[in-house]
Amino acid sequence: MSYVCDICGKVTAHGSSKKHRRGVAGKRWKNRVTPTPRLFKPNLQRKTLLINGIKMKMRICAKCIKRIKKYGSVHNYSNIAVV
């Protein structure tokens, strides 16, 4: 099962870690650490939603959960509620 939000389609993003900024002893840490690759994953939650009177189990991101609680609809889904 892929790591994708079922509503907005948010996926894992690739990036790199930052190097150290100014350290304790002046500028000693500035060029010490090289950037390493890392993953930025969406905050997926498994929720049961009530969509137009039908219960559906979906994996949705936390941002979509906040939108549903605030507005009651997200993108193409209208009349949606978290059960």
PDB file of N, CA and C in Angstrom:
ATOM      1  N   MET A   1       0.841  -1.176   0.000  1.00  0.00           N
ATOM      2  CA  MET A   1       0.000   0.000   0.000  1.00  0.00           C
ATOM      3  C   MET A   1       0.890   1.243   0.000  1.00  0.00           C
ATOM      4  N   SER A   2       0.640   2.145  -0.930  1.00  0.00           N
ATOM      5  CA  SER A   2       1.487   3.316  -1.050  1.00  0.00           C
ATOM      6  C   SER A   2       1.153   4.352   0.022  1.00  0.00           C
ATOM      7  N   TYR A   3       2.077   5.248   0.261  1.00  0.00           N
ATOM      8  CA  TYR A   3       1.944   6.254   1.308  1.00  0.00           C
ATOM      9  C   TYR A   3       1.384   7.528   0.688  1.00  0.00           C
ATOM     10  N   VAL A   4       0.064   7.521   0.386  1.00  0.00           N
ATOM     11  CA  VAL A   4      -0.591   8.623  -0.304  1.00  0.00           C
ATOM     12  C   VAL A   4      -1.899   8.939   0.403  1.00  0.00           C
ATOM     13  N   CYS A   5      -2.215  10.224   0.532  1.00  0.00           N
ATOM     14  CA  CYS A   5      -3.501  10.644   1.083  1.00  0.00           C
ATOM     15  C   CYS A   5      -4.588  10.340   0.061  1.00  0.00           C
ATOM     16  N   ASP A   6      -5.688   9.722   0.515  1.00  0.00           N
ATOM     17  CA  ASP A   6      -6.772   9.331  -0.388  1.00  0.00           C
ATOM     18  C   ASP A   6      -7.573  10.522  -0.898  1.00  0.00           C
ATOM     19  N   ILE A   7      -7.528  11.657  -0.215  1.00  0.00           N
ATOM     20  CA  ILE A   7      -8.323  12.808  -0.641  1.00  0.00           C
ATOM     21  C   ILE A   7      -7.498  13.788  -1.476  1.00  0.00           C
ATOM     22  N   CYS A   8      -6.406  14.291  -0.925  1.00  0.00           N
ATOM     23  CA  CYS A   8      -5.661  15.341  -1.641  1.00  0.00           C
ATOM     24  C   CYS A   8      -4.516  14.789  -2.483  1.00  0.00           C
ATOM     25  N   GLY A   9      -4.129  13.528  -2.275  1.00  0.00           N
ATOM     26  CA  GLY A   9      -3.065  12.935  -3.080  1.00  0.00           C
ATOM     27  C   GLY A   9      -1.667  13.317  -2.641  1.00  0.00           C
ATOM     28  N   LYS A  10      -1.512  13.798  -1.418  1.00  0.00           N
ATOM     29  CA  LYS A  10      -0.195  14.173  -0.899  1.00  0.00           C
ATOM     30  C   LYS A  10       0.678  12.931  -0.790  1.00  0.00           C
ATOM     31  N   VAL A  11       1.942  13.019  -1.273  1.00  0.00           N
ATOM     32  CA  VAL A  11       2.848  11.878  -1.298  1.00  0.00           C
ATOM     33  C   VAL A  11       4.138  12.209  -0.561  1.00  0.00           C
ATOM     34  N   THR A  12       5.000  11.210  -0.428  1.00  0.00           N
ATOM     35  CA  THR A  12       6.296  11.391   0.199  1.00  0.00           C
ATOM     36  C   THR A  12       7.176  12.274  -0.670  1.00  0.00           C
ATOM     37  N   ALA A  13       7.835  13.256  -0.045  1.00  0.00           N
ATOM     38  CA  ALA A  13       8.728  14.170  -0.764  1.00  0.00           C
ATOM     39  C   ALA A  13      10.171  13.853  -0.403  1.00  0.00           C
ATOM     40  N   HIS A  14      11.074  13.997  -1.370  1.00  0.00           N
ATOM     41  CA  HIS A  14      12.495  13.746  -1.155  1.00  0.00           C
ATOM     42  C   HIS A  14      13.206  15.076  -0.923  1.00  0.00           C
ATOM     43  N   GLY A  15      14.196  15.048  -0.045  1.00  0.00           N
ATOM     44  CA  GLY A  15      14.963  16.250   0.239  1.00  0.00           C
ATOM     45  C   GLY A  15      16.280  15.866   0.880  1.00  0.00           C
ATOM     46  N   SER A  16      16.927  16.835   1.497  1.00  0.00           N
ATOM     47  CA  SER A  16      18.189  16.556   2.179  1.00  0.00           C
ATOM     48  C   SER A  16      18.231  17.318   3.487  1.00  0.00           C
ATOM     49  N   SER A  17      18.977  16.752   4.434  1.00  0.00           N
ATOM     50  CA  SER A  17      19.123  17.400   5.725  1.00  0.00           C
ATOM     51  C   SER A  17      20.065  18.589   5.579  1.00  0.00           C
ATOM     52  N   LYS A  18      19.886  19.585   6.425  1.00  0.00           N
ATOM     53  CA  LYS A  18      20.720  20.783   6.375  1.00  0.00           C
ATOM     54  C   LYS A  18      21.995  20.560   7.180  1.00  0.00           C
ATOM     55  N   LYS A  19      23.028  21.306   6.829  1.00  0.00           N
ATOM     56  CA  LYS A  19      24.255  21.223   7.622  1.00  0.00           C
ATOM     57  C   LYS A  19      24.108  22.070   8.879  1.00  0.00           C
ATOM     58  N   HIS A  20      24.984  21.854   9.822  1.00  0.00           N
ATOM     59  CA  HIS A  20      24.932  22.597  11.078  1.00  0.00           C
ATOM     60  C   HIS A  20      25.140  24.074  10.820  1.00  0.00           C
ATOM     61  N   ARG A  21      24.466  24.880  11.580  1.00  0.00           N
ATOM     62  CA  ARG A  21      24.706  26.316  11.541  1.00  0.00           C
ATOM     63  C   ARG A  21      25.800  26.636  12.551  1.00  0.00           C
ATOM     64  N   ARG A  22      25.868  27.832  12.960  1.00  0.00           N
ATOM     65  CA  ARG A  22      26.934  28.272  13.845  1.00  0.00           C
ATOM     66  C   ARG A  22      26.912  27.494  15.155  1.00  0.00           C
ATOM     67  N   GLY A  23      28.025  26.923  15.547  1.00  0.00           N
ATOM     68  CA  GLY A  23      28.091  26.063  16.712  1.00  0.00           C
ATOM     69  C   GLY A  23      28.429  26.808  17.987  1.00  0.00           C
ATOM     70  N   VAL A  24      28.775  26.045  19.010  1.00  0.00           N
ATOM     71  CA  VAL A  24      29.073  26.616  20.316  1.00  0.00           C
ATOM     72  C   VAL A  24      30.395  27.372  20.282  1.00  0.00           C
ATOM     73  N   ALA A  25      31.387  26.790  19.633  1.00  0.00           N
ATOM     74  CA  ALA A  25      32.725  27.386  19.620  1.00  0.00           C
ATOM     75  C   ALA A  25      32.952  28.176  18.327  1.00  0.00           C
ATOM     76  N   GLY A  26      32.165  29.201  18.102  1.00  0.00           N
ATOM     77  CA  GLY A  26      32.347  30.025  16.913  1.00  0.00           C
ATOM     78  C   GLY A  26      31.818  29.356  15.667  1.00  0.00           C
ATOM     79  N   LYS A  27      32.623  29.312  14.609  1.00  0.00           N
ATOM     80  CA  LYS A  27      32.169  28.755  13.331  1.00  0.00           C
ATOM     81  C   LYS A  27      32.734  27.365  13.080  1.00  0.00           C
ATOM     82  N   ARG A  28      32.966  26.595  14.111  1.00  0.00           N
ATOM     83  CA  ARG A  28      33.587  25.281  13.942  1.00  0.00           C
ATOM     84  C   ARG A  28      32.694  24.279  13.221  1.00  0.00           C
ATOM     85  N   TRP A  29      31.359  24.361  13.390  1.00  0.00           N
ATOM     86  CA  TRP A  29      30.466  23.359  12.810  1.00  0.00           C
ATOM     87  C   TRP A  29      29.990  23.707  11.414  1.00  0.00           C
ATOM     88  N   LYS A  30      30.405  24.838  10.880  1.00  0.00           N
ATOM     89  CA  LYS A  30      29.796  25.342   9.654  1.00  0.00           C
ATOM     90  C   LYS A  30      29.863  24.353   8.494  1.00  0.00           C
ATOM     91  N   ASN A  31      31.001  23.762   8.219  1.00  0.00           N
ATOM     92  CA  ASN A  31      31.147  22.845   7.096  1.00  0.00           C
ATOM     93  C   ASN A  31      31.437  21.419   7.540  1.00  0.00           C
ATOM     94  N   ARG A  32      31.088  21.078   8.765  1.00  0.00           N
ATOM     95  CA  ARG A  32      31.468  19.774   9.287  1.00  0.00           C
ATOM     96  C   ARG A  32      30.585  18.640   8.743  1.00  0.00           C
ATOM     97  N   VAL A  33      29.289  18.858   8.617  1.00  0.00           N
ATOM     98  CA  VAL A  33      28.374  17.789   8.244  1.00  0.00           C
ATOM     99  C   VAL A  33      27.896  18.008   6.808  1.00  0.00           C
ATOM    100  N   THR A  34      27.963  16.951   5.987  1.00  0.00           N
ATOM    101  CA  THR A  34      27.460  17.045   4.623  1.00  0.00           C
ATOM    102  C   THR A  34      25.958  16.736   4.616  1.00  0.00           C
ATOM    103  N   PRO A  35      25.201  17.330   3.704  1.00  0.00           N
ATOM    104  CA  PRO A  35      23.764  17.037   3.632  1.00  0.00           C
ATOM    105  C   PRO A  35      23.524  15.576   3.247  1.00  0.00           C
ATOM    106  N   THR A  36      22.618  14.932   3.938  1.00  0.00           N
ATOM    107  CA  THR A  36      22.284  13.543   3.645  1.00  0.00           C
ATOM    108  C   THR A  36      20.844  13.471   3.154  1.00  0.00           C
ATOM    109  N   PRO A  37      20.533  12.524   2.268  1.00  0.00           N
ATOM    110  CA  PRO A  37      19.153  12.432   1.772  1.00  0.00           C
ATOM    111  C   PRO A  37      18.192  11.963   2.859  1.00  0.00           C
ATOM    112  N   ARG A  38      16.980  12.482   2.789  1.00  0.00           N
ATOM    113  CA  ARG A  38      15.949  12.083   3.736  1.00  0.00           C
ATOM    114  C   ARG A  38      14.585  12.184   3.072  1.00  0.00           C
ATOM    115  N   LEU A  39      13.557  11.651   3.764  1.00  0.00           N
ATOM    116  CA  LEU A  39      12.192  11.646   3.246  1.00  0.00           C
ATOM    117  C   LEU A  39      11.300  12.492   4.141  1.00  0.00           C
ATOM    118  N   PHE A  40      10.384  13.215   3.511  1.00  0.00           N
ATOM    119  CA  PHE A  40       9.365  13.971   4.228  1.00  0.00           C
ATOM    120  C   PHE A  40       8.036  13.288   3.957  1.00  0.00           C
ATOM    121  N   LYS A  41       7.490  12.585   4.963  1.00  0.00           N
ATOM    122  CA  LYS A  41       6.264  11.816   4.775  1.00  0.00           C
ATOM    123  C   LYS A  41       5.057  12.601   5.283  1.00  0.00           C
ATOM    124  N   PRO A  42       3.904  12.466   4.603  1.00  0.00           N
ATOM    125  CA  PRO A  42       2.697  13.123   5.100  1.00  0.00           C
ATOM    126  C   PRO A  42       2.202  12.438   6.373  1.00  0.00           C
ATOM    127  N   ASN A  43       1.515  13.193   7.205  1.00  0.00           N
ATOM    128  CA  ASN A  43       0.990  12.685   8.472  1.00  0.00           C
ATOM    129  C   ASN A  43      -0.340  11.982   8.196  1.00  0.00           C
ATOM    130  N   LEU A  44      -0.282  10.705   7.786  1.00  0.00           N
ATOM    131  CA  LEU A  44      -1.483   9.960   7.419  1.00  0.00           C
ATOM    132  C   LEU A  44      -2.134   9.327   8.640  1.00  0.00           C
ATOM    133  N   GLN A  45      -3.466   9.403   8.676  1.00  0.00           N
ATOM    134  CA  GLN A  45      -4.264   8.808   9.736  1.00  0.00           C
ATOM    135  C   GLN A  45      -5.322   7.929   9.085  1.00  0.00           C
ATOM    136  N   ARG A  46      -5.651   6.816   9.719  1.00  0.00           N
ATOM    137  CA  ARG A  46      -6.699   5.943   9.206  1.00  0.00           C
ATOM    138  C   ARG A  46      -8.013   6.364   9.874  1.00  0.00           C
ATOM    139  N   LYS A  47      -8.952   6.882   9.081  1.00  0.00           N
ATOM    140  CA  LYS A  47     -10.210   7.408   9.605  1.00  0.00           C
ATOM    141  C   LYS A  47     -11.395   6.793   8.875  1.00  0.00           C
ATOM    142  N   THR A  48     -12.507   6.682   9.581  1.00  0.00           N
ATOM    143  CA  THR A  48     -13.778   6.281   8.977  1.00  0.00           C
ATOM    144  C   THR A  48     -14.561   7.550   8.709  1.00  0.00           C
ATOM    145  N   LEU A  49     -14.918   7.768   7.444  1.00  0.00           N
ATOM    146  CA  LEU A  49     -15.617   8.979   7.045  1.00  0.00           C
ATOM    147  C   LEU A  49     -17.026   8.641   6.587  1.00  0.00           C
ATOM    148  N   LEU A  50     -17.931   9.568   6.805  1.00  0.00           N
ATOM    149  CA  LEU A  50     -19.305   9.432   6.345  1.00  0.00           C
ATOM    150  C   LEU A  50     -19.459  10.347   5.135  1.00  0.00           C
ATOM    151  N   ILE A  51     -19.464   9.761   3.923  1.00  0.00           N
ATOM    152  CA  ILE A  51     -19.530  10.524   2.684  1.00  0.00           C
ATOM    153  C   ILE A  51     -20.882  10.246   2.025  1.00  0.00           C
ATOM    154  N   ASN A  52     -21.739  11.276   2.009  1.00  0.00           N
ATOM    155  CA  ASN A  52     -23.090  11.155   1.434  1.00  0.00           C
ATOM    156  C   ASN A  52     -23.853   9.945   1.979  1.00  0.00           C
ATOM    157  N   GLY A  53     -23.730   9.703   3.298  1.00  0.00           N
ATOM    158  CA  GLY A  53     -24.460   8.614   3.936  1.00  0.00           C
ATOM    159  C   GLY A  53     -23.795   7.255   3.846  1.00  0.00           C
ATOM    160  N   ILE A  54     -22.602   7.158   3.264  1.00  0.00           N
ATOM    161  CA  ILE A  54     -21.888   5.887   3.128  1.00  0.00           C
ATOM    162  C   ILE A  54     -20.618   5.953   3.972  1.00  0.00           C
ATOM    163  N   LYS A  55     -20.411   4.936   4.837  1.00  0.00           N
ATOM    164  CA  LYS A  55     -19.192   4.886   5.644  1.00  0.00           C
ATOM    165  C   LYS A  55     -18.048   4.315   4.823  1.00  0.00           C
ATOM    166  N   MET A  56     -16.901   5.013   4.841  1.00  0.00           N
ATOM    167  CA  MET A  56     -15.712   4.566   4.118  1.00  0.00           C
ATOM    168  C   MET A  56     -14.498   4.706   5.009  1.00  0.00           C
ATOM    169  N   LYS A  57     -13.637   3.670   5.038  1.00  0.00           N
ATOM    170  CA  LYS A  57     -12.364   3.763   5.748  1.00  0.00           C
ATOM    171  C   LYS A  57     -11.333   4.299   4.767  1.00  0.00           C
ATOM    172  N   MET A  58     -10.654   5.378   5.153  1.00  0.00           N
ATOM    173  CA  MET A  58      -9.684   6.020   4.266  1.00  0.00           C
ATOM    174  C   MET A  58      -8.435   6.386   5.045  1.00  0.00           C
ATOM    175  N   ARG A  59      -7.320   6.486   4.318  1.00  0.00           N
ATOM    176  CA  ARG A  59      -6.076   7.005   4.893  1.00  0.00           C
ATOM    177  C   ARG A  59      -5.939   8.439   4.408  1.00  0.00           C
ATOM    178  N   ILE A  60      -6.106   9.395   5.333  1.00  0.00           N
ATOM    179  CA  ILE A  60      -6.060  10.799   4.949  1.00  0.00           C
ATOM    180  C   ILE A  60      -5.053  11.538   5.820  1.00  0.00           C
ATOM    181  N   CYS A  61      -4.533  12.637   5.302  1.00  0.00           N
ATOM    182  CA  CYS A  61      -3.527  13.406   6.033  1.00  0.00           C
ATOM    183  C   CYS A  61      -4.209  14.282   7.085  1.00  0.00           C
ATOM    184  N   ALA A  62      -3.439  14.730   8.043  1.00  0.00           N
ATOM    185  CA  ALA A  62      -3.965  15.525   9.149  1.00  0.00           C
ATOM    186  C   ALA A  62      -4.527  16.851   8.659  1.00  0.00           C
ATOM    187  N   LYS A  63      -3.965  17.403   7.596  1.00  0.00           N
ATOM    188  CA  LYS A  63      -4.461  18.660   7.053  1.00  0.00           C
ATOM    189  C   LYS A  63      -5.869  18.501   6.489  1.00  0.00           C
ATOM    190  N   CYS A  64      -6.137  17.375   5.836  1.00  0.00           N
ATOM    191  CA  CYS A  64      -7.480  17.109   5.314  1.00  0.00           C
ATOM    192  C   CYS A  64      -8.472  16.908   6.455  1.00  0.00           C
ATOM    193  N   ILE A  65      -8.045  16.282   7.548  1.00  0.00           N
ATOM    194  CA  ILE A  65      -8.919  16.100   8.709  1.00  0.00           C
ATOM    195  C   ILE A  65      -9.321  17.460   9.270  1.00  0.00           C
ATOM    196  N   LYS A  66      -8.365  18.391   9.345  1.00  0.00           N
ATOM    197  CA  LYS A  66      -8.665  19.732   9.832  1.00  0.00           C
ATOM    198  C   LYS A  66      -9.640  20.452   8.908  1.00  0.00           C
ATOM    199  N   ARG A  67      -9.459  20.298   7.596  1.00  0.00           N
ATOM    200  CA  ARG A  67     -10.367  20.933   6.637  1.00  0.00           C
ATOM    201  C   ARG A  67     -11.780  20.374   6.761  1.00  0.00           C
ATOM    202  N   ILE A  68     -11.879  19.049   6.943  1.00  0.00           N
ATOM    203  CA  ILE A  68     -13.194  18.417   7.072  1.00  0.00           C
ATOM    204  C   ILE A  68     -13.907  18.926   8.324  1.00  0.00           C
ATOM    205  N   LYS A  69     -13.189  19.015   9.438  1.00  0.00           N
ATOM    206  CA  LYS A  69     -13.795  19.483  10.677  1.00  0.00           C
ATOM    207  C   LYS A  69     -14.221  20.951  10.579  1.00  0.00           C
ATOM    208  N   LYS A  70     -13.467  21.749   9.822  1.00  0.00           N
ATOM    209  CA  LYS A  70     -13.765  23.170   9.721  1.00  0.00           C
ATOM    210  C   LYS A  70     -14.857  23.467   8.701  1.00  0.00           C
ATOM    211  N   TYR A  71     -14.730  22.899   7.486  1.00  0.00           N
ATOM    212  CA  TYR A  71     -15.627  23.259   6.387  1.00  0.00           C
ATOM    213  C   TYR A  71     -16.693  22.207   6.077  1.00  0.00           C
ATOM    214  N   GLY A  72     -16.454  20.947   6.412  1.00  0.00           N
ATOM    215  CA  GLY A  72     -17.417  19.901   6.107  1.00  0.00           C
ATOM    216  C   GLY A  72     -17.305  19.361   4.696  1.00  0.00           C
ATOM    217  N   SER A  73     -16.338  19.858   3.919  1.00  0.00           N
ATOM    218  CA  SER A  73     -16.119  19.343   2.568  1.00  0.00           C
ATOM    219  C   SER A  73     -14.663  19.581   2.174  1.00  0.00           C
ATOM    220  N   VAL A  74     -14.153  18.719   1.292  1.00  0.00           N
ATOM    221  CA  VAL A  74     -12.788  18.839   0.794  1.00  0.00           C
ATOM    222  C   VAL A  74     -12.790  18.464  -0.677  1.00  0.00           C
ATOM    223  N   HIS A  75     -12.205  19.315  -1.520  1.00  0.00           N
ATOM    224  CA  HIS A  75     -12.078  19.074  -2.961  1.00  0.00           C
ATOM    225  C   HIS A  75     -13.392  18.597  -3.574  1.00  0.00           C
ATOM    226  N   ASN A  76     -13.417  17.411  -4.157  1.00  0.00           N
ATOM    227  CA  ASN A  76     -14.606  16.900  -4.836  1.00  0.00           C
ATOM    228  C   ASN A  76     -15.599  16.258  -3.872  1.00  0.00           C
ATOM    229  N   TYR A  77     -15.214  16.071  -2.618  1.00  0.00           N
ATOM    230  CA  TYR A  77     -16.089  15.435  -1.639  1.00  0.00           C
ATOM    231  C   TYR A  77     -16.944  16.501  -0.946  1.00  0.00           C
ATOM    232  N   SER A  78     -18.253  16.376  -1.067  1.00  0.00           N
ATOM    233  CA  SER A  78     -19.146  17.274  -0.348  1.00  0.00           C
ATOM    234  C   SER A  78     -19.937  16.445   0.660  1.00  0.00           C
ATOM    235  N   ASN A  79     -20.454  17.109   1.694  1.00  0.00           N
ATOM    236  CA  ASN A  79     -21.176  16.422   2.774  1.00  0.00           C
ATOM    237  C   ASN A  79     -20.339  15.291   3.357  1.00  0.00           C
ATOM    238  N   ILE A  80     -19.192  15.642   3.903  1.00  0.00           N
ATOM    239  CA  ILE A  80     -18.280  14.652   4.473  1.00  0.00           C
ATOM    240  C   ILE A  80     -18.133  14.929   5.962  1.00  0.00           C
ATOM    241  N   ALA A  81     -18.046  13.875   6.763  1.00  0.00           N
ATOM    242  CA  ALA A  81     -17.905  14.025   8.205  1.00  0.00           C
ATOM    243  C   ALA A  81     -17.035  12.899   8.747  1.00  0.00           C
ATOM    244  N   VAL A  82     -16.249  13.212   9.771  1.00  0.00           N
ATOM    245  CA  VAL A  82     -15.417  12.211  10.438  1.00  0.00           C
ATOM    246  C   VAL A  82     -16.288  11.488  11.449  1.00  0.00           C
ATOM    247  N   VAL A  83     -16.301  10.162  11.375  1.00  0.00           N
ATOM    248  CA  VAL A  83     -17.125   9.358  12.294  1.00  0.00           C
ATOM    249  C   VAL A  83     -16.286   8.924  13.465  1.00  0.00           C
TER     250      VAL A  83
END
